[in-house]
C-alpha atoms as a PDB file:
ATOM      1  CA  UNK A   1       0.075  -0.327   0.173  1.00  0.00           C
ATOM      2  CA  UNK A   2       1.515   3.499  -1.170  1.00  0.00           C
ATOM      3  CA  UNK A   3       1.369   6.531   1.195  1.00  0.00           C
ATOM      4  CA  UNK A   4      -1.492   7.958  -1.154  1.00  0.00           C
ATOM      5  CA  UNK A   5      -3.848   5.192  -0.771  1.00  0.00           C
ATOM      6  CA  UNK A   6      -3.690   6.026   3.148  1.00  0.00           C
ATOM      7  CA  UNK A   7      -4.197   9.761   2.881  1.00  0.00           C
ATOM      8  CA  UNK A   8      -8.134   8.805   4.456  1.00  0.00           C
ATOM      9  CA  UNK A   9      -7.394   6.960   6.706  1.00  0.00           C
ATOM     10  CA  UNK A  10      -8.478   6.876   9.970  1.00  0.00           C
ATOM     11  CA  UNK A  11      -4.965   8.054  11.057  1.00  0.00           C
ATOM     12  CA  UNK A  12      -2.988   9.694   8.576  1.00  0.00           C
ATOM     13  CA  UNK A  13       0.653   9.329   8.083  1.00  0.00           C
ATOM     14  CA  UNK A  14       2.661  12.025   9.366  1.00  0.00           C
ATOM     15  CA  UNK A  15       4.711  13.620   7.191  1.00  0.00           C
ATOM     16  CA  UNK A  16       8.727  14.131   8.150  1.00  0.00           C
ATOM     17  CA  UNK A  17       9.425  17.539   9.305  1.00  0.00           C
ATOM     18  CA  UNK A  18      12.410  17.923   7.372  1.00  0.00           C
ATOM     19  CA  UNK A  19      14.012  16.830   4.148  1.00  0.00           C
ATOM     20  CA  UNK A  20      15.186  13.127   3.906  1.00  0.00           C
ATOM     21  CA  UNK A  21      18.552  13.539   3.579  1.00  0.00           C
ATOM     22  CA  UNK A  22      18.492  16.370   6.531  1.00  0.00           C
ATOM     23  CA  UNK A  23      19.724  15.115   9.216  1.00  0.00           C
ATOM     24  CA  UNK A  24      22.691  13.481   7.269  1.00  0.00           C
ATOM     25  CA  UNK A  25      25.667  11.833   8.124  1.00  0.00           C
ATOM     26  CA  UNK A  26      23.838  11.073  11.385  1.00  0.00           C
ATOM     27  CA  UNK A  27      21.201   9.245  10.135  1.00  0.00           C
ATOM     28  CA  UNK A  28      20.888   8.592   6.371  1.00  0.00           C
ATOM     29  CA  UNK A  29      18.565   9.642   3.903  1.00  0.00           C
ATOM     30  CA  UNK A  30      18.084   5.821   3.369  1.00  0.00           C
ATOM     31  CA  UNK A  31      17.412   4.907   6.952  1.00  0.00           C
ATOM     32  CA  UNK A  32      14.933   7.292   7.214  1.00  0.00           C
ATOM     33  CA  UNK A  33      13.345   6.139   4.025  1.00  0.00           C
ATOM     34  CA  UNK A  34      12.814   3.079   5.275  1.00  0.00           C
ATOM     35  CA  UNK A  35      11.996   3.916   9.037  1.00  0.00           C
ATOM     36  CA  UNK A  36       9.398   6.276   8.196  1.00  0.00           C
ATOM     37  CA  UNK A  37       8.005   5.239   4.865  1.00  0.00           C
ATOM     38  CA  UNK A  38       8.618   1.338   5.421  1.00  0.00           C
ATOM     39  CA  UNK A  39       8.280   1.056   9.262  1.00  0.00           C
ATOM     40  CA  UNK A  40       6.260   3.791  10.783  1.00  0.00           C
ATOM     41  CA  UNK A  41       3.838   3.756   7.778  1.00  0.00           C
ATOM     42  CA  UNK A  42       3.198   0.035   8.182  1.00  0.00           C
ATOM     43  CA  UNK A  43       2.079   0.591  11.286  1.00  0.00           C
ATOM     44  CA  UNK A  44      -0.439   3.036  10.251  1.00  0.00           C
ATOM     45  CA  UNK A  45      -1.924   0.701   8.212  1.00  0.00           C
ATOM     46  CA  UNK A  46      -2.508  -1.886  10.255  1.00  0.00           C
ATOM     47  CA  UNK A  47      -3.814   0.215  12.989  1.00  0.00           C
ATOM     48  CA  UNK A  48      -6.540   1.143  10.323  1.00  0.00           C
ATOM     49  CA  UNK A  49      -7.327  -2.077   9.384  1.00  0.00           C
ATOM     50  CA  UNK A  50      -7.767  -2.978  13.316  1.00  0.00           C
ATOM     51  CA  UNK A  51      -9.723   0.060  14.086  1.00  0.00           C
ATOM     52  CA  UNK A  52     -12.185   0.034  11.336  1.00  0.00           C
ATOM     53  CA  UNK A  53     -15.636  -0.359  12.816  1.00  0.00           C
ATOM     54  CA  UNK A  54     -14.261  -0.474  15.967  1.00  0.00           C
ATOM     55  CA  UNK A  55     -15.022   1.896  19.554  1.00  0.00           C
ATOM     56  CA  UNK A  56     -11.349   2.971  18.217  1.00  0.00           C
ATOM     57  CA  UNK A  57     -12.199   4.681  14.953  1.00  0.00           C
ATOM     58  CA  UNK A  58     -13.287   7.626  16.238  1.00  0.00           C
ATOM     59  CA  UNK A  59     -10.432   8.532  19.040  1.00  0.00           C
ATOM     60  CA  UNK A  60      -7.067  10.296  18.445  1.00  0.00           C
ATOM     61  CA  UNK A  61      -4.274   8.579  18.535  1.00  0.00           C
ATOM     62  CA  UNK A  62      -2.707   9.473  21.639  1.00  0.00           C
ATOM     63  CA  UNK A  63      -6.033   7.867  23.120  1.00  0.00           C
ATOM     64  CA  UNK A  64      -5.725   4.631  21.300  1.00  0.00           C
ATOM     65  CA  UNK A  65      -2.551   4.253  23.761  1.00  0.00           C
ATOM     66  CA  UNK A  66      -4.007   4.854  27.067  1.00  0.00           C
ATOM     67  CA  UNK A  67      -6.962   3.365  26.034  1.00  0.00           C
ATOM     68  CA  UNK A  68      -5.939  -0.353  24.314  1.00  0.00           C
ATOM     69  CA  UNK A  69      -4.263  -3.663  24.470  1.00  0.00           C
ATOM     70  CA  UNK A  70      -2.732  -6.683  22.034  1.00  0.00           C
ATOM     71  CA  UNK A  71      -2.312  -5.592  18.971  1.00  0.00           C
ATOM     72  CA  UNK A  72      -3.938  -2.108  18.341  1.00  0.00           C
ATOM     73  CA  UNK A  73      -2.078  -1.077  21.486  1.00  0.00           C
ATOM     74  CA  UNK A  74       1.059  -2.548  19.717  1.00  0.00           C
ATOM     75  CA  UNK A  75       0.223  -0.551  16.568  1.00  0.00           C
ATOM     76  CA  UNK A  76      -0.873   2.095  17.774  1.00  0.00           C
ATOM     77  CA  UNK A  77       2.251   2.945  20.209  1.00  0.00           C
ATOM     78  CA  UNK A  78       4.484   2.691  17.110  1.00  0.00           C
ATOM     79  CA  UNK A  79       2.774   4.738  15.579  1.00  0.00           C
ATOM     80  CA  UNK A  80       2.571   7.402  18.041  1.00  0.00           C
ATOM     81  CA  UNK A  81       6.133   6.488  19.372  1.00  0.00           C
ATOM     82  CA  UNK A  82       7.940   7.070  15.685  1.00  0.00           C
ATOM     83  CA  UNK A  83       5.262  10.701  15.176  1.00  0.00           C
ATOM     84  CA  UNK A  84       7.465  11.728  18.272  1.00  0.00           C
ATOM     85  CA  UNK A  85      10.553  10.255  17.600  1.00  0.00           C
ATOM     86  CA  UNK A  86      10.900  12.233  14.510  1.00  0.00           C
ATOM     87  CA  UNK A  87       9.553  15.288  15.487  1.00  0.00           C
ATOM     88  CA  UNK A  88      12.719  15.833  18.166  1.00  0.00           C
ATOM     89  CA  UNK A  89      15.112  15.812  15.003  1.00  0.00           C
ATOM     90  CA  UNK A  90      16.563  19.278  13.175  1.00  0.00           C
ATOM     91  CA  UNK A  91      19.031  19.662  10.335  1.00  0.00           C
ATOM     92  CA  UNK A  92      19.215  23.441  12.642  1.00  0.00           C
ATOM     93  CA  UNK A  93      19.382  21.436  16.219  1.00  0.00           C
ATOM     94  CA  UNK A  94      19.732  23.707  19.295  1.00  0.00           C
ATOM     95  CA  UNK A  95      22.561  21.457  21.018  1.00  0.00           C
ATOM     96  CA  UNK A  96      21.227  22.422  24.815  1.00  0.00           C
ATOM     97  CA  UNK A  97      18.738  22.593  26.777  1.00  0.00           C
ATOM     98  CA  UNK A  98      17.104  25.868  28.474  1.00  0.00           C
ATOM     99  CA  UNK A  99      15.316  26.944  31.481  1.00  0.00           C
ATOM    100  CA  UNK A 100      13.300  24.954  34.055  1.00  0.00           C
ATOM    101  CA  UNK A 101      14.347  21.632  31.672  1.00  0.00           C
ATOM    102  CA  UNK A 102      18.392  22.736  31.944  1.00  0.00           C
ATOM    103  CA  UNK A 103      17.770  23.178  35.979  1.00  0.00           C
ATOM    104  CA  UNK A 104      16.105  19.887  36.017  1.00  0.00           C
ATOM    105  CA  UNK A 105      19.071  18.045  34.202  1.00  0.00           C
ATOM    106  CA  UNK A 106      21.351  19.553  36.129  1.00  0.00           C
ATOM    107  CA  UNK A 107      19.621  19.369  39.682  1.00  0.00           C
ATOM    108  CA  UNK A 108      18.919  15.409  38.479  1.00  0.00           C
ATOM    109  CA  UNK A 109      21.925  14.591  36.411  1.00  0.00           C
ATOM    110  CA  UNK A 110      24.315  16.948  36.995  1.00  0.00           C
ATOM    111  CA  UNK A 111      25.543  17.900  33.333  1.00  0.00           C
ATOM    112  CA  UNK A 112      23.895  17.503  30.482  1.00  0.00           C
ATOM    113  CA  UNK A 113      26.787  15.245  29.501  1.00  0.00           C
ATOM    114  CA  UNK A 114      25.580  12.946  32.473  1.00  0.00           C
ATOM    115  CA  UNK A 115      21.978  12.548  31.629  1.00  0.00           C
ATOM    116  CA  UNK A 116      23.111  12.257  27.869  1.00  0.00           C
ATOM    117  CA  UNK A 117      25.815   9.246  28.908  1.00  0.00           C
ATOM    118  CA  UNK A 118      22.385   7.299  31.121  1.00  0.00           C
ATOM    119  CA  UNK A 119      20.858   7.329  28.756  1.00  0.00           C
ATOM    120  CA  UNK A 120      22.684   5.906  26.185  1.00  0.00           C
ATOM    121  CA  UNK A 121      24.114   3.156  28.465  1.00  0.00           C
ATOM    122  CA  UNK A 122      20.539   1.973  28.653  1.00  0.00           C
ATOM    123  CA  UNK A 123      20.371   2.265  25.050  1.00  0.00           C
ATOM    124  CA  UNK A 124      23.152   0.071  24.671  1.00  0.00           C
ATOM    125  CA  UNK A 125      22.395  -2.383  27.220  1.00  0.00           C
ATOM    126  CA  UNK A 126      18.422  -2.729  26.228  1.00  0.00           C
ATOM    127  CA  UNK A 127      18.023  -6.455  25.454  1.00  0.00           C
ATOM    128  CA  UNK A 128      16.120  -6.970  22.558  1.00  0.00           C
ATOM    129  CA  UNK A 129      13.746  -4.327  20.542  1.00  0.00           C
ATOM    130  CA  UNK A 130      12.264  -1.583  21.534  1.00  0.00           C
ATOM    131  CA  UNK A 131      12.585   2.462  23.420  1.00  0.00           C
ATOM    132  CA  UNK A 132      14.559   4.373  25.823  1.00  0.00           C
ATOM    133  CA  UNK A 133      12.632   7.671  26.963  1.00  0.00           C
ATOM    134  CA  UNK A 134      13.492  10.840  29.133  1.00  0.00           C
ATOM    135  CA  UNK A 135       9.745  11.492  30.460  1.00  0.00           C
ATOM    136  CA  UNK A 136       8.794  13.861  33.555  1.00  0.00           C
ATOM    137  CA  UNK A 137       5.703  13.750  35.810  1.00  0.00           C
ATOM    138  CA  UNK A 138       3.197  16.408  36.581  1.00  0.00           C
ATOM    139  CA  UNK A 139       5.144  17.974  38.572  1.00  0.00           C
ATOM    140  CA  UNK A 140       8.147  18.017  36.775  1.00  0.00           C
ATOM    141  CA  UNK A 141      10.474  15.712  37.958  1.00  0.00           C
ATOM    142  CA  UNK A 142      12.829  13.347  35.109  1.00  0.00           C
ATOM    143  CA  UNK A 143      13.107  10.051  34.989  1.00  0.00           C
ATOM    144  CA  UNK A 144      15.267   7.848  32.085  1.00  0.00           C
ATOM    145  CA  UNK A 145      12.354   4.565  31.162  1.00  0.00           C
ATOM    146  CA  UNK A 146      13.526   1.339  29.682  1.00  0.00           C
ATOM    147  CA  UNK A 147      10.905  -0.175  27.481  1.00  0.00           C
ATOM    148  CA  UNK A 148      10.343  -2.929  25.764  1.00  0.00           C
ATOM    149  CA  UNK A 149       8.669  -3.460  22.477  1.00  0.00           C
ATOM    150  CA  UNK A 150       6.297  -0.705  21.603  1.00  0.00           C
ATOM    151  CA  UNK A 151       5.511   0.356  25.352  1.00  0.00           C
ATOM    152  CA  UNK A 152       5.445   3.926  26.469  1.00  0.00           C
ATOM    153  CA  UNK A 153       5.767   6.408  29.505  1.00  0.00           C
ATOM    154  CA  UNK A 154       2.130   7.554  28.208  1.00  0.00           C
ATOM    155  CA  UNK A 155       0.705   4.099  30.014  1.00  0.00           C
ATOM    156  CA  UNK A 156       2.373   4.888  33.155  1.00  0.00           C
ATOM    157  CA  UNK A 157       0.578   8.626  33.133  1.00  0.00           C
ATOM    158  CA  UNK A 158       4.236  10.539  32.363  1.00  0.00           C
ATOM    159  CA  UNK A 159       5.080  12.733  30.224  1.00  0.00           C
ATOM    160  CA  UNK A 160       7.742  11.430  27.271  1.00  0.00           C
ATOM    161  CA  UNK A 161      10.427  14.351  26.579  1.00  0.00           C
ATOM    162  CA  UNK A 162      13.526  12.455  24.047  1.00  0.00           C
ATOM    163  CA  UNK A 163      12.614   8.492  22.541  1.00  0.00           C
ATOM    164  CA  UNK A 164      15.525   6.669  21.528  1.00  0.00           C
ATOM    165  CA  UNK A 165      14.156   4.023  18.849  1.00  0.00           C
ATOM    166  CA  UNK A 166      16.459   0.747  19.231  1.00  0.00           C
ATOM    167  CA  UNK A 167      14.676  -1.546  17.180  1.00  0.00           C
ATOM    168  CA  UNK A 168      16.960  -2.424  14.572  1.00  0.00           C
ATOM    169  CA  UNK A 169      15.093  -0.356  12.062  1.00  0.00           C
ATOM    170  CA  UNK A 170      16.292   2.646  13.319  1.00  0.00           C
ATOM    171  CA  UNK A 171      20.065   2.344  13.354  1.00  0.00           C
ATOM    172  CA  UNK A 172      21.495  -0.935  11.055  1.00  0.00           C
ATOM    173  CA  UNK A 173      21.487   0.294   7.729  1.00  0.00           C
ATOM    174  CA  UNK A 174      24.278   3.298   9.153  1.00  0.00           C
ATOM    175  CA  UNK A 175      25.933   1.777  12.080  1.00  0.00           C
ATOM    176  CA  UNK A 176      24.753  -2.358  11.302  1.00  0.00           C
ATOM    177  CA  UNK A 177      24.999  -3.922  15.381  1.00  0.00           C
ATOM    178  CA  UNK A 178      27.349  -0.648  16.778  1.00  0.00           C
ATOM    179  CA  UNK A 179      23.893   0.445  18.272  1.00  0.00           C
ATOM    180  CA  UNK A 180      25.943   2.635  21.042  1.00  0.00           C
ATOM    181  CA  UNK A 181      27.211   4.475  18.471  1.00  0.00           C
ATOM    182  CA  UNK A 182      24.169   5.440  17.077  1.00  0.00           C
ATOM    183  CA  UNK A 183      22.918   6.422  19.376  1.00  0.00           C
ATOM    184  CA  UNK A 184      25.863   9.126  20.057  1.00  0.00           C
ATOM    185  CA  UNK A 185      25.488  10.517  16.970  1.00  0.00           C
ATOM    186  CA  UNK A 186      22.066  10.894  17.329  1.00  0.00           C
ATOM    187  CA  UNK A 187      22.417  13.433  19.836  1.00  0.00           C
ATOM    188  CA  UNK A 188      23.936  15.534  17.715  1.00  0.00           C
ATOM    189  CA  UNK A 189      20.708  16.205  15.631  1.00  0.00           C
ATOM    190  CA  UNK A 190      18.442  16.226  18.722  1.00  0.00           C
ATOM    191  CA  UNK A 191      16.848  19.714  19.059  1.00  0.00           C
ATOM    192  CA  UNK A 192      16.871  20.741  22.357  1.00  0.00           C
ATOM    193  CA  UNK A 193      14.630  23.623  21.552  1.00  0.00           C
ATOM    194  CA  UNK A 194      11.633  20.944  20.840  1.00  0.00           C
ATOM    195  CA  UNK A 195      12.796  18.894  23.862  1.00  0.00           C
ATOM    196  CA  UNK A 196      12.366  22.324  26.215  1.00  0.00           C
ATOM    197  CA  UNK A 197       8.707  23.468  24.749  1.00  0.00           C
ATOM    198  CA  UNK A 198       7.085  19.913  25.267  1.00  0.00           C
ATOM    199  CA  UNK A 199       9.314  20.159  29.031  1.00  0.00           C
ATOM    200  CA  UNK A 200       7.162  23.863  29.419  1.00  0.00           C
ATOM    201  CA  UNK A 201       3.839  22.792  28.395  1.00  0.00           C
ATOM    202  CA  UNK A 202       3.980  20.422  31.508  1.00  0.00           C
ATOM    203  CA  UNK A 203       3.877  23.596  33.615  1.00  0.00           C
ATOM    204  CA  UNK A 204       1.854  25.691  31.007  1.00  0.00           C
END
């Protein structure tokens, strides 16, 4: 099924907010074509098949994630996770957090580098496929969370801030089995301006 054929689907495919080659050499155009157009898109297509004529058909994607289980949850969560993941990058990334997020990171992790090292280690050592998240509770306290498969902090009543995709399709084309290297390079295009905005919205 092509992207155009799902344009009127119940859940629509969100396009990348930058060109496919915009994040090179850290994330290649080839990786983004496969990651976005094949893997992410397939979750959306499968989800629409599963929710047609069900109570989920009229729900926003995030609500489906919070209220479903089984195959519907897996495909909805993967669709949501990928949108969130792609949106955190920019070819013109702000490389440091500011304001309230910067203070929270320094209070809890000492330095930004300390946070990056801990998240990179979590990502490098997570067994199998899954996601590593920086999340916040409603009071602004930060958590580093490792989740298997499609799991997300949304189901823990936490607010995701950063997502590291450690499914092989996220990095294998560029880095083969060197998952840690892929995460270390990812930080170079992570846009902390987006992360700042996500954190600031918690107390807005």
